[in-house]
């Protein structure tokens, strides 16, 4: 509305200036006349053309586009140790943080695969059922920690069994479990669980977090180290990486063992193992985005520009030549 008022004011000033310049009759014969209505219509047409052009540049999107995407991949469930020993800092910044990095890298490298997450300490829980949605997996990464499992310990066998049960019974193709832990198993028969998984056609890989020299287990208060865990005699408890256990689990499960270091999480080696497995075709509906609608607005803008240019500002009357 403000633009229209400004335009009308400018048009009024122009007409007044022209009337001062010449007599109305002579001005009409010389310039052919100026049509206020026609000029205003031209202005409004071009103004609307500009508005539609701006809308087109904004990239309007309406509705959603959902399509079925078929991809080649494998099914992988990660069993992640979230026990207190994973807070040890012998693998800086900590075993837990390095485990999060390994899982994040795995999520980034999974193209067409399905991923699930099991967390465990003294007990095991399914944190994320098997899914092709990588964004869902990323949501859990920052919250992975000892507080997820109230019972402390390292029940690797229970985690492997729960992960094995997380695969659909009717599912064929390639399946694998990746256990990320420091290997301090005190709870159950991890080797037996790995063998059961292998008998079900599921490979078990392991990633070792920590060092053979080990490190103390921090006790945190409000996110800060307030001390270190001690035994009944008051001695500081040192948690060490049990590589022999993790190698045995991988061997029993028909998989591979890798050790995380400050140079890398070791996940790339396991991704290579996964890519060496038979890739099965999976189909799932995924949200792909919104439908672009800028074309309609751009077409309207172009039509209005041409219409505005054709209108002109004259009255439309034929000019007559005045004989002198």
Protein backbone atom coordinates (compact mmCIF):
# COMPACT_ATOMS: atom_id res chain seq x y z
CA UNK A 1 0.00 0.00 0.00
CA UNK A 2 2.83 2.41 0.81
CA UNK A 3 4.44 1.76 -2.57
CA UNK A 4 1.15 2.56 -4.32
CA UNK A 5 0.78 5.86 -2.44
CA UNK A 6 4.35 6.84 -3.25
CA UNK A 7 3.79 6.01 -6.90
CA UNK A 8 0.58 8.06 -7.08
CA UNK A 9 2.35 10.99 -5.42
CA UNK A 10 5.18 10.76 -7.94
CA UNK A 11 2.69 10.57 -10.82
CA UNK A 12 0.84 13.65 -9.52
CA UNK A 13 4.09 15.60 -9.32
CA UNK A 14 4.95 14.58 -12.88
CA UNK A 15 1.59 15.73 -14.24
CA UNK A 16 1.84 19.03 -12.37
CA UNK A 17 5.33 19.63 -13.74
CA UNK A 18 4.14 18.89 -17.28
CA UNK A 19 1.20 21.29 -16.92
CA UNK A 20 3.61 24.02 -15.89
CA UNK A 21 5.75 23.23 -18.90
CA UNK A 22 2.98 23.56 -21.52
CA UNK A 23 -0.69 24.15 -22.11
CA UNK A 24 -2.83 21.00 -21.57
CA UNK A 25 -4.11 20.91 -25.17
CA UNK A 26 -0.65 21.36 -26.67
CA UNK A 27 0.78 18.84 -24.20
CA UNK A 28 -1.82 16.27 -25.23
CA UNK A 29 -1.08 16.73 -28.90
CA UNK A 30 2.68 16.61 -28.35
CA UNK A 31 3.00 13.62 -25.95
CA UNK A 32 -0.15 11.76 -26.85
CA UNK A 33 -1.43 12.09 -23.30
CA UNK A 34 -0.62 10.27 -20.11
CA UNK A 35 -3.16 7.80 -18.79
CA UNK A 36 -3.16 7.73 -14.99
CA UNK A 37 -5.17 4.53 -14.94
CA UNK A 38 -2.94 2.83 -17.49
CA UNK A 39 0.21 3.99 -15.73
CA UNK A 40 -1.06 2.77 -12.36
CA UNK A 41 -2.02 -0.59 -13.85
CA UNK A 42 1.48 -0.91 -15.32
CA UNK A 43 3.02 -0.08 -11.97
CA UNK A 44 0.90 -2.64 -10.12
CA UNK A 45 1.70 -5.30 -12.72
CA UNK A 46 5.45 -4.76 -12.40
CA UNK A 47 5.21 -4.58 -8.63
CA UNK A 48 3.48 -7.96 -8.51
CA UNK A 49 6.06 -9.33 -10.93
CA UNK A 50 8.79 -8.24 -8.53
CA UNK A 51 6.94 -9.87 -5.61
CA UNK A 52 6.61 -13.20 -7.42
CA UNK A 53 10.28 -13.04 -8.44
CA UNK A 54 11.26 -12.59 -4.79
CA UNK A 55 9.09 -15.57 -3.84
CA UNK A 56 10.76 -17.67 -6.53
CA UNK A 57 14.22 -16.73 -5.24
CA UNK A 58 13.16 -17.74 -1.73
CA UNK A 59 12.77 -21.31 -2.99
CA UNK A 60 9.27 -22.12 -1.71
CA UNK A 61 8.63 -25.78 -0.89
CA UNK A 62 5.24 -27.37 -0.35
CA UNK A 63 4.31 -30.90 0.66
CA UNK A 64 6.71 -33.77 1.11
CA UNK A 65 8.33 -36.27 -1.19
CA UNK A 66 8.59 -39.80 0.21
CA UNK A 67 10.16 -42.45 -1.95
CA UNK A 68 11.28 -46.04 -1.56
CA UNK A 69 15.06 -46.26 -1.67
CA UNK A 70 16.65 -49.64 -2.30
CA UNK A 71 20.26 -50.02 -1.23
CA UNK A 72 22.91 -52.67 -0.81
CA UNK A 73 24.25 -53.22 2.68
CA UNK A 74 24.57 -55.33 5.80
CA UNK A 75 22.85 -55.41 9.18
CA UNK A 76 25.11 -54.36 12.07
CA UNK A 77 24.39 -54.12 15.78
CA UNK A 78 26.97 -52.40 17.97
CA UNK A 79 27.32 -53.62 21.56
CA UNK A 80 28.83 -50.68 23.46
CA UNK A 81 30.38 -50.99 26.90
CA UNK A 82 29.21 -48.11 29.13
CA UNK A 83 30.61 -49.40 32.42
CA UNK A 84 32.58 -47.11 34.75
CA UNK A 85 35.89 -48.59 33.59
CA UNK A 86 35.26 -46.96 30.20
CA UNK A 87 35.84 -43.59 31.89
CA UNK A 88 39.54 -44.40 32.29
CA UNK A 89 41.76 -41.93 30.47
CA UNK A 90 44.64 -44.17 29.41
CA UNK A 91 43.24 -43.75 25.88
CA UNK A 92 42.78 -39.96 25.81
CA UNK A 93 40.53 -38.17 26.19
CA UNK A 94 38.86 -41.30 27.63
CA UNK A 95 37.86 -44.78 26.54
CA UNK A 96 34.22 -43.71 26.48
CA UNK A 97 34.87 -40.70 24.28
CA UNK A 98 36.96 -42.81 21.90
CA UNK A 99 34.13 -45.36 21.76
CA UNK A 100 31.68 -42.59 20.86
CA UNK A 101 34.01 -41.49 18.07
CA UNK A 102 34.23 -45.04 16.75
CA UNK A 103 30.45 -45.33 16.69
CA UNK A 104 30.07 -41.91 15.05
CA UNK A 105 32.56 -42.88 12.35
CA UNK A 106 30.70 -46.13 11.77
CA UNK A 107 27.43 -44.25 11.34
CA UNK A 108 29.05 -41.88 8.83
CA UNK A 109 30.47 -44.75 6.80
CA UNK A 110 27.29 -46.80 6.62
CA UNK A 111 25.71 -46.39 3.19
CA UNK A 112 22.61 -48.49 2.74
CA UNK A 113 23.29 -50.52 5.88
CA UNK A 114 21.04 -50.94 8.90
CA UNK A 115 22.37 -50.22 12.38
CA UNK A 116 21.30 -51.05 15.92
CA UNK A 117 22.84 -50.19 19.31
CA UNK A 118 22.99 -52.26 22.50
CA UNK A 119 24.53 -50.73 25.64
CA UNK A 120 25.81 -52.83 28.49
CA UNK A 121 27.56 -52.81 31.84
CA UNK A 122 26.37 -55.35 34.44
CA UNK A 123 23.27 -55.79 32.25
CA UNK A 124 22.49 -55.20 28.59
CA UNK A 125 19.77 -53.03 27.07
CA UNK A 126 18.69 -52.26 23.52
CA UNK A 127 19.24 -48.56 22.96
CA UNK A 128 18.36 -48.43 19.25
CA UNK A 129 16.59 -51.20 17.32
CA UNK A 130 17.92 -52.10 13.90
CA UNK A 131 17.20 -49.19 11.54
CA UNK A 132 18.37 -47.64 8.27
CA UNK A 133 17.89 -44.13 9.71
CA UNK A 134 21.39 -42.83 10.44
CA UNK A 135 20.08 -39.59 11.92
CA UNK A 136 18.35 -41.60 14.65
CA UNK A 137 21.66 -43.24 15.54
CA UNK A 138 23.37 -39.87 15.81
CA UNK A 139 20.81 -38.70 18.36
CA UNK A 140 22.05 -41.24 20.88
CA UNK A 141 25.79 -40.59 20.58
CA UNK A 142 26.12 -37.68 23.00
CA UNK A 143 24.08 -39.43 25.71
CA UNK A 144 26.04 -42.68 25.82
CA UNK A 145 27.56 -43.14 29.27
CA UNK A 146 27.56 -45.16 32.52
CA UNK A 147 24.30 -43.57 33.69
CA UNK A 148 22.38 -45.55 31.06
CA UNK A 149 22.86 -48.84 32.93
CA UNK A 150 22.31 -48.78 36.71
CA UNK A 151 24.00 -52.14 37.35
CA UNK A 152 27.76 -51.93 37.00
CA UNK A 153 29.95 -54.70 35.63
CA UNK A 154 30.90 -55.89 32.15
CA UNK A 155 28.44 -58.48 30.85
CA UNK A 156 29.83 -58.93 27.34
CA UNK A 157 28.07 -62.27 26.85
CA UNK A 158 24.66 -60.82 27.70
CA UNK A 159 25.27 -57.97 25.26
CA UNK A 160 26.17 -60.37 22.44
CA UNK A 161 23.10 -62.51 23.12
CA UNK A 162 20.82 -59.46 23.16
CA UNK A 163 22.37 -58.17 19.94
CA UNK A 164 21.87 -61.57 18.29
CA UNK A 165 18.20 -61.47 19.25
CA UNK A 166 17.92 -57.99 17.72
CA UNK A 167 18.18 -59.31 14.17
CA UNK A 168 14.87 -60.31 12.54
CA UNK A 169 14.49 -64.09 12.52
CA UNK A 170 13.43 -64.15 8.88
CA UNK A 171 16.28 -61.91 7.80
CA UNK A 172 18.83 -63.34 5.44
CA UNK A 173 21.99 -61.80 4.10
CA UNK A 174 24.98 -60.55 6.03
CA UNK A 175 24.80 -59.75 9.73
CA UNK A 176 27.48 -58.68 12.17
CA UNK A 177 27.93 -57.63 15.79
CA UNK A 178 30.65 -55.15 16.78
CA UNK A 179 31.57 -55.20 20.47
CA UNK A 180 33.30 -52.02 21.69
CA UNK A 181 34.77 -52.58 25.16
CA UNK A 182 37.91 -52.70 27.31
CA UNK A 183 37.41 -56.46 27.66
CA UNK A 184 37.22 -56.61 31.44
CA UNK A 185 34.56 -59.31 31.50
CA UNK A 186 33.58 -60.48 34.98
CA UNK A 187 29.98 -61.49 34.51
CA UNK A 188 29.30 -64.29 32.02
CA UNK A 189 30.43 -66.59 29.23
CA UNK A 190 31.29 -64.18 26.44
CA UNK A 191 32.97 -66.88 24.34
CA UNK A 192 29.84 -69.04 24.43
CA UNK A 193 27.71 -66.07 23.35
CA UNK A 194 30.06 -65.38 20.43
CA UNK A 195 29.85 -69.02 19.35
CA UNK A 196 26.04 -68.93 19.48
CA UNK A 197 26.04 -65.85 17.29
CA UNK A 198 28.34 -67.50 14.77
CA UNK A 199 26.12 -70.58 14.65
CA UNK A 200 23.23 -68.24 13.78
CA UNK A 201 25.21 -66.85 10.85
CA UNK A 202 26.26 -63.66 12.63
CA UNK A 203 29.91 -62.59 12.78
CA UNK A 204 31.24 -61.01 15.97
CA UNK A 205 33.96 -58.34 15.71
CA UNK A 206 35.61 -56.59 18.66
CA UNK A 207 37.26 -53.21 19.20
CA UNK A 208 39.55 -52.87 22.22
CA UNK A 209 39.39 -49.60 24.16
CA UNK A 210 42.29 -48.87 26.50
CA UNK A 211 45.92 -49.88 26.94
CA UNK A 212 47.63 -52.92 28.48
CA UNK A 213 49.19 -50.57 31.06
CA UNK A 214 45.73 -49.33 31.97
CA UNK A 215 44.66 -46.37 34.04
CA UNK A 216 42.65 -45.44 37.15
CA UNK A 217 38.86 -45.17 36.98
CA UNK A 218 37.71 -41.58 37.62
CA UNK A 219 34.84 -40.85 39.99
CA UNK A 220 32.93 -37.91 38.63
CA UNK A 221 30.91 -35.24 40.40
CA UNK A 222 29.04 -32.75 38.21
CA UNK A 223 31.14 -33.80 35.25
CA UNK A 224 34.48 -33.30 37.00
CA UNK A 225 36.96 -35.81 38.39
CA UNK A 226 36.55 -35.84 42.18
CA UNK A 227 38.82 -38.83 42.79
CA UNK A 228 39.57 -42.34 41.63
CA UNK A 229 37.94 -45.66 42.40
CA UNK A 230 39.61 -47.61 45.22
CA UNK A 231 39.36 -51.19 46.41
CA UNK A 232 38.48 -52.34 49.92
CA UNK A 233 42.06 -51.86 51.04
CA UNK A 234 42.04 -48.27 49.84
CA UNK A 235 44.27 -48.88 46.84
CA UNK A 236 43.53 -47.16 43.54
CA UNK A 237 41.91 -49.56 41.08
CA UNK A 238 43.70 -49.79 37.74
CA UNK A 239 41.63 -50.92 34.74
CA UNK A 240 43.56 -52.58 31.91
CA UNK A 241 42.65 -53.56 28.37
CA UNK A 242 42.13 -57.33 28.16
CA UNK A 243 43.27 -57.92 24.60
CA UNK A 244 43.47 -61.69 24.99
CA UNK A 245 39.78 -61.85 25.90
CA UNK A 246 38.74 -59.69 22.95
CA UNK A 247 40.86 -61.69 20.52
CA UNK A 248 39.27 -64.91 21.78
CA UNK A 249 35.75 -63.46 21.44
CA UNK A 250 36.44 -62.38 17.85
CA UNK A 251 37.89 -65.79 17.02
CA UNK A 252 34.89 -67.58 18.53
CA UNK A 253 32.54 -65.31 16.60
CA UNK A 254 34.38 -65.67 13.29
CA UNK A 255 35.21 -61.98 13.23
CA UNK A 256 38.21 -59.68 13.58
CA UNK A 257 39.78 -57.83 16.50
CA UNK A 258 41.18 -54.30 16.26
CA UNK A 259 42.56 -52.02 18.93
CA UNK A 260 41.79 -48.33 19.16
CA UNK A 261 44.76 -45.99 19.59
CA UNK A 262 45.29 -42.25 19.77
CA UNK A 263 45.93 -42.41 16.01
CA UNK A 264 42.55 -43.92 15.21
CA UNK A 265 39.54 -45.83 16.44
CA UNK A 266 40.18 -48.85 14.23
CA UNK A 267 36.69 -48.64 12.76
CA UNK A 268 37.97 -48.38 9.18
CA UNK A 269 39.45 -51.88 9.37
CA UNK A 270 36.10 -53.29 10.46
CA UNK A 271 34.20 -51.34 7.80
CA UNK A 272 36.47 -53.04 5.26
CA UNK A 273 35.47 -56.38 6.79
CA UNK A 274 31.79 -55.44 6.46
CA UNK A 275 32.23 -54.41 2.83
CA UNK A 276 33.80 -57.80 2.15
CA UNK A 277 30.58 -59.51 3.20
CA UNK A 278 27.71 -60.23 0.81
CA UNK A 279 25.68 -57.05 0.40
CA UNK A 280 21.93 -57.71 0.49
CA UNK A 281 19.25 -55.49 -1.01
CA UNK A 282 16.99 -53.73 1.45
CA UNK A 283 14.02 -51.47 0.71
CA UNK A 284 12.72 -48.85 3.10
CA UNK A 285 10.66 -45.67 2.87
CA UNK A 286 12.72 -42.63 3.67
CA UNK A 287 11.79 -38.96 3.88
CA UNK A 288 13.56 -37.33 0.96
CA UNK A 289 12.49 -33.69 1.30
CA UNK A 290 9.95 -31.13 0.13
CA UNK A 291 8.72 -30.51 -3.38
CA UNK A 292 10.19 -27.34 -4.95
CA UNK A 293 7.55 -24.86 -6.11
CA UNK A 294 9.66 -21.92 -7.33
CA UNK A 295 8.95 -22.66 -11.00
CA UNK A 296 5.33 -21.51 -10.77
CA UNK A 297 6.25 -18.24 -9.07
CA UNK A 298 9.01 -17.57 -11.60
CA UNK A 299 6.68 -18.19 -14.55
CA UNK A 300 4.08 -15.78 -13.14
CA UNK A 301 6.77 -13.13 -12.58
CA UNK A 302 7.98 -13.39 -16.19
CA UNK A 303 4.43 -13.13 -17.59
CA UNK A 304 3.71 -10.06 -15.46
CA UNK A 305 6.94 -8.38 -16.57
CA UNK A 306 6.00 -8.82 -20.24
CA UNK A 307 2.47 -7.59 -19.54
CA UNK A 308 3.80 -4.53 -17.75
CA UNK A 309 6.17 -3.69 -20.59
CA UNK A 310 3.36 -4.00 -23.15
CA UNK A 311 1.03 -1.71 -21.19
CA UNK A 312 3.23 1.37 -21.40
CA UNK A 313 2.09 4.64 -19.87
CA UNK A 314 0.35 6.29 -22.82
CA UNK A 315 -3.38 6.77 -23.21
CA UNK A 316 -3.49 4.46 -26.20
CA UNK A 317 -4.78 7.19 -28.58
CA UNK A 318 -3.15 7.61 -31.93
CA UNK A 319 -0.88 10.65 -32.15
CA UNK A 320 -1.66 13.24 -34.83
CA UNK A 321 0.93 15.24 -36.70
CA UNK A 322 0.41 19.00 -36.42
CA UNK A 323 1.08 20.88 -39.58
CA UNK A 324 3.17 23.99 -39.22
